[in-house]
Amino acid sequence: MFGSLGMPELIVIFVIALIIFGPRKLPELGRSLGKSLAEFKKASNELRNTLEEEIRIDEQRTTEAAKTSAQPPAATTVPHAEEEPLRKVDHSA
């Protein structure tokens, strides 16, 4: 349950806490410890979710970049040096 802490160790810790803090303060300390642990768990879950979301967005960007770089460039016609440029022919005469 608590790793290497067994029932005898937990009882000793509880008795020492009872002696140090007294019976009136102990429930209040337990509540505040529980709230602190709940807030810590919530914050760590939010951090994990944020990191996972950022990783997912980054993976989408890299996939989209790979798709756009994999597409062949648009066909362009470049006249070669050996070819004569087109001349306008006057057919009116």
N, C-alpha and C. Protein backbone atom coordinates (compact mmCIF):
# COMPACT_ATOMS: atom_id res chain seq x y z
N MET A 1 0.83 -1.19 0.00
CA MET A 1 0.00 0.00 0.00
C MET A 1 0.87 1.25 0.00
N PHE A 2 1.80 1.37 0.93
CA PHE A 2 2.68 2.53 1.00
C PHE A 2 4.13 2.14 0.71
N GLY A 3 4.34 1.23 -0.18
CA GLY A 3 5.69 0.82 -0.52
C GLY A 3 6.28 -0.08 0.54
N SER A 4 7.35 0.39 1.16
CA SER A 4 8.02 -0.44 2.17
C SER A 4 7.47 -0.21 3.58
N LEU A 5 6.49 0.67 3.74
CA LEU A 5 5.87 0.90 5.06
C LEU A 5 4.81 -0.16 5.32
N GLY A 6 4.95 -0.84 6.43
CA GLY A 6 3.95 -1.83 6.81
C GLY A 6 3.01 -1.25 7.87
N MET A 7 2.12 -2.08 8.35
CA MET A 7 1.15 -1.64 9.34
C MET A 7 1.83 -1.20 10.65
N PRO A 8 2.82 -1.91 11.20
CA PRO A 8 3.46 -1.45 12.44
C PRO A 8 4.11 -0.07 12.29
N GLU A 9 4.76 0.18 11.15
CA GLU A 9 5.39 1.48 10.93
C GLU A 9 4.35 2.59 10.87
N LEU A 10 3.23 2.33 10.18
CA LEU A 10 2.17 3.34 10.10
C LEU A 10 1.58 3.64 11.47
N ILE A 11 1.42 2.64 12.31
CA ILE A 11 0.89 2.86 13.66
C ILE A 11 1.85 3.71 14.47
N VAL A 12 3.14 3.45 14.37
CA VAL A 12 4.14 4.24 15.10
C VAL A 12 4.11 5.69 14.62
N ILE A 13 4.04 5.90 13.31
CA ILE A 13 3.97 7.26 12.76
C ILE A 13 2.71 7.96 13.25
N PHE A 14 1.58 7.27 13.28
CA PHE A 14 0.32 7.86 13.74
C PHE A 14 0.40 8.25 15.21
N VAL A 15 0.98 7.39 16.04
CA VAL A 15 1.10 7.67 17.47
C VAL A 15 2.01 8.87 17.71
N ILE A 16 3.12 8.95 16.97
CA ILE A 16 4.03 10.10 17.13
C ILE A 16 3.33 11.38 16.69
N ALA A 17 2.59 11.34 15.59
CA ALA A 17 1.86 12.52 15.12
C ALA A 17 0.79 12.91 16.13
N LEU A 18 0.14 11.94 16.74
CA LEU A 18 -0.88 12.22 17.75
C LEU A 18 -0.27 12.89 18.97
N ILE A 19 0.91 12.44 19.38
CA ILE A 19 1.59 13.05 20.53
C ILE A 19 2.05 14.46 20.20
N ILE A 20 2.61 14.66 19.01
CA ILE A 20 3.16 15.98 18.65
C ILE A 20 2.05 17.00 18.41
N PHE A 21 1.05 16.65 17.63
CA PHE A 21 0.04 17.63 17.22
C PHE A 21 -1.21 17.61 18.09
N GLY A 22 -1.46 16.55 18.78
CA GLY A 22 -2.65 16.48 19.63
C GLY A 22 -3.85 15.99 18.85
N PRO A 23 -4.89 15.51 19.58
CA PRO A 23 -6.06 14.93 18.92
C PRO A 23 -6.93 15.96 18.19
N ARG A 24 -6.84 17.24 18.56
CA ARG A 24 -7.69 18.24 17.92
C ARG A 24 -7.09 18.72 16.60
N LYS A 25 -5.79 18.80 16.53
CA LYS A 25 -5.12 19.30 15.32
C LYS A 25 -4.96 18.23 14.24
N LEU A 26 -4.93 16.96 14.64
CA LEU A 26 -4.65 15.88 13.70
C LEU A 26 -5.65 15.79 12.54
N PRO A 27 -6.97 15.86 12.78
CA PRO A 27 -7.91 15.81 11.62
C PRO A 27 -7.72 17.00 10.67
N GLU A 28 -7.43 18.16 11.23
CA GLU A 28 -7.21 19.34 10.40
C GLU A 28 -5.96 19.16 9.53
N LEU A 29 -4.92 18.61 10.11
CA LEU A 29 -3.70 18.34 9.34
C LEU A 29 -3.95 17.30 8.25
N GLY A 30 -4.74 16.30 8.56
CA GLY A 30 -5.07 15.28 7.57
C GLY A 30 -5.84 15.86 6.39
N ARG A 31 -6.80 16.76 6.70
CA ARG A 31 -7.57 17.40 5.63
C ARG A 31 -6.67 18.25 4.74
N SER A 32 -5.82 19.06 5.37
CA SER A 32 -4.95 19.92 4.56
C SER A 32 -3.95 19.10 3.75
N LEU A 33 -3.47 18.00 4.32
CA LEU A 33 -2.57 17.13 3.56
C LEU A 33 -3.30 16.51 2.37
N GLY A 34 -4.53 16.08 2.59
CA GLY A 34 -5.33 15.50 1.50
C GLY A 34 -5.60 16.51 0.40
N LYS A 35 -5.93 17.76 0.78
CA LYS A 35 -6.17 18.81 -0.22
C LYS A 35 -4.90 19.11 -1.00
N SER A 36 -3.78 19.15 -0.30
CA SER A 36 -2.51 19.43 -0.97
C SER A 36 -2.17 18.34 -1.97
N LEU A 37 -2.36 17.09 -1.57
CA LEU A 37 -2.10 15.99 -2.48
C LEU A 37 -3.03 16.02 -3.69
N ALA A 38 -4.30 16.37 -3.46
CA ALA A 38 -5.26 16.45 -4.57
C ALA A 38 -4.87 17.57 -5.54
N GLU A 39 -4.44 18.72 -5.02
CA GLU A 39 -4.03 19.82 -5.88
C GLU A 39 -2.77 19.46 -6.66
N PHE A 40 -1.84 18.77 -6.00
CA PHE A 40 -0.61 18.34 -6.68
C PHE A 40 -0.93 17.37 -7.81
N LYS A 41 -1.83 16.44 -7.55
CA LYS A 41 -2.22 15.46 -8.57
C LYS A 41 -2.90 16.16 -9.75
N LYS A 42 -3.77 17.13 -9.44
CA LYS A 42 -4.46 17.87 -10.49
C LYS A 42 -3.46 18.65 -11.35
N ALA A 43 -2.50 19.32 -10.69
CA ALA A 43 -1.51 20.10 -11.43
C ALA A 43 -0.62 19.20 -12.28
N SER A 44 -0.25 18.05 -11.76
CA SER A 44 0.60 17.15 -12.55
C SER A 44 -0.17 16.57 -13.73
N ASN A 45 -1.47 16.29 -13.56
CA ASN A 45 -2.29 15.82 -14.68
C ASN A 45 -2.43 16.89 -15.76
N GLU A 46 -2.62 18.15 -15.33
CA GLU A 46 -2.72 19.24 -16.30
C GLU A 46 -1.41 19.41 -17.06
N LEU A 47 -0.29 19.30 -16.36
CA LEU A 47 1.00 19.41 -17.01
C LEU A 47 1.19 18.28 -18.01
N ARG A 48 0.85 17.08 -17.64
CA ARG A 48 0.98 15.93 -18.54
C ARG A 48 0.10 16.12 -19.78
N ASN A 49 -1.15 16.58 -19.56
CA ASN A 49 -2.05 16.79 -20.70
C ASN A 49 -1.53 17.87 -21.63
N THR A 50 -0.98 18.94 -21.05
CA THR A 50 -0.42 20.01 -21.87
C THR A 50 0.76 19.52 -22.69
N LEU A 51 1.64 18.74 -22.07
CA LEU A 51 2.78 18.20 -22.80
C LEU A 51 2.34 17.26 -23.91
N GLU A 52 1.37 16.40 -23.63
CA GLU A 52 0.88 15.49 -24.65
C GLU A 52 0.25 16.24 -25.81
N GLU A 53 -0.48 17.31 -25.52
CA GLU A 53 -1.11 18.13 -26.56
C GLU A 53 -0.04 18.80 -27.42
N GLU A 54 1.00 19.35 -26.80
CA GLU A 54 2.08 19.98 -27.55
C GLU A 54 2.81 18.97 -28.43
N ILE A 55 3.02 17.77 -27.91
CA ILE A 55 3.67 16.73 -28.71
C ILE A 55 2.80 16.35 -29.89
N ARG A 56 1.49 16.24 -29.67
CA ARG A 56 0.57 15.89 -30.76
C ARG A 56 0.57 16.97 -31.84
N ILE A 57 0.55 18.24 -31.43
CA ILE A 57 0.57 19.34 -32.39
C ILE A 57 1.87 19.35 -33.18
N ASP A 58 2.99 19.11 -32.49
CA ASP A 58 4.28 19.07 -33.15
C ASP A 58 4.35 17.93 -34.16
N GLU A 59 3.79 16.76 -33.80
CA GLU A 59 3.78 15.63 -34.73
C GLU A 59 2.93 15.94 -35.95
N GLN A 60 1.80 16.64 -35.75
CA GLN A 60 0.96 17.02 -36.89
C GLN A 60 1.71 17.96 -37.82
N ARG A 61 2.44 18.92 -37.24
CA ARG A 61 3.21 19.86 -38.06
C ARG A 61 4.27 19.14 -38.87
N THR A 62 4.97 18.21 -38.26
CA THR A 62 6.02 17.50 -38.98
C THR A 62 5.42 16.61 -40.06
N THR A 63 4.25 16.03 -39.81
CA THR A 63 3.60 15.20 -40.83
C THR A 63 3.15 16.06 -42.00
N GLU A 64 2.58 17.23 -41.70
CA GLU A 64 2.15 18.12 -42.77
C GLU A 64 3.35 18.63 -43.56
N ALA A 65 4.44 18.93 -42.88
CA ALA A 65 5.64 19.40 -43.57
C ALA A 65 6.21 18.30 -44.45
N ALA A 66 6.15 17.07 -43.99
CA ALA A 66 6.64 15.96 -44.79
C ALA A 66 5.76 15.74 -46.01
N LYS A 67 4.46 15.92 -45.86
CA LYS A 67 3.55 15.76 -46.99
C LYS A 67 3.80 16.82 -48.05
N THR A 68 3.98 18.08 -47.62
CA THR A 68 4.19 19.16 -48.60
C THR A 68 5.55 19.04 -49.27
N SER A 69 6.57 18.56 -48.57
CA SER A 69 7.88 18.41 -49.20
C SER A 69 7.92 17.18 -50.10
N ALA A 70 7.04 16.22 -49.89
CA ALA A 70 7.02 15.01 -50.72
C ALA A 70 6.31 15.25 -52.05
N GLN A 71 5.50 16.29 -52.15
CA GLN A 71 4.79 16.57 -53.39
C GLN A 71 5.77 17.13 -54.41
N PRO A 72 5.65 16.72 -55.69
CA PRO A 72 6.55 17.25 -56.71
C PRO A 72 6.25 18.73 -56.95
N PRO A 73 7.26 19.50 -57.32
CA PRO A 73 7.02 20.92 -57.56
C PRO A 73 6.14 21.12 -58.78
N ALA A 74 5.50 22.25 -58.85
CA ALA A 74 4.60 22.54 -59.98
C ALA A 74 5.43 22.60 -61.26
N ALA A 75 4.83 22.13 -62.35
CA ALA A 75 5.54 22.09 -63.63
C ALA A 75 5.70 23.51 -64.16
N THR A 76 6.93 23.86 -64.48
CA THR A 76 7.20 25.17 -65.07
C THR A 76 7.97 24.95 -66.36
N THR A 77 7.67 25.77 -67.33
CA THR A 77 8.38 25.65 -68.60
C THR A 77 9.44 26.72 -68.66
N VAL A 78 10.63 26.27 -68.89
CA VAL A 78 11.75 27.19 -69.02
C VAL A 78 12.32 26.97 -70.42
N PRO A 79 12.38 28.03 -71.24
CA PRO A 79 12.92 27.83 -72.59
C PRO A 79 14.41 27.50 -72.50
N HIS A 80 14.81 26.57 -73.34
CA HIS A 80 16.21 26.20 -73.40
C HIS A 80 16.95 27.19 -74.28
N ALA A 81 18.23 27.25 -74.13
CA ALA A 81 19.04 28.20 -74.89
C ALA A 81 19.04 27.87 -76.38
N GLU A 82 18.91 26.60 -76.74
CA GLU A 82 18.96 26.20 -78.13
C GLU A 82 17.67 26.55 -78.89
N GLU A 83 16.56 26.64 -78.16
CA GLU A 83 15.28 26.90 -78.81
C GLU A 83 15.15 28.37 -79.14
N GLU A 84 14.53 28.60 -80.30
CA GLU A 84 14.27 29.99 -80.67
C GLU A 84 13.02 30.47 -79.96
N PRO A 85 13.03 31.71 -79.52
CA PRO A 85 11.80 32.22 -78.89
C PRO A 85 10.69 32.30 -79.93
N LEU A 86 9.47 32.20 -79.51
CA LEU A 86 8.33 32.28 -80.42
C LEU A 86 8.22 33.70 -80.99
N ARG A 87 7.96 33.75 -82.27
CA ARG A 87 7.80 35.05 -82.92
C ARG A 87 6.37 35.21 -83.37
N LYS A 88 5.91 36.41 -83.25
CA LYS A 88 4.56 36.71 -83.68
C LYS A 88 4.57 36.86 -85.20
N VAL A 89 3.71 36.12 -85.87
CA VAL A 89 3.66 36.16 -87.33
C VAL A 89 2.47 37.01 -87.73
N ASP A 90 2.71 37.92 -88.64
CA ASP A 90 1.66 38.81 -89.12
C ASP A 90 1.01 38.18 -90.35
N HIS A 91 -0.26 37.73 -90.25
CA HIS A 91 -0.96 37.09 -91.36
C HIS A 91 -1.88 38.07 -92.09
N SER A 92 -1.79 39.34 -91.86
CA SER A 92 -2.71 40.29 -92.47
C SER A 92 -2.33 40.63 -93.91
N ALA A 93 -1.18 40.38 -94.37
CA ALA A 93 -0.76 40.78 -95.71
C ALA A 93 -1.12 39.85 -96.79
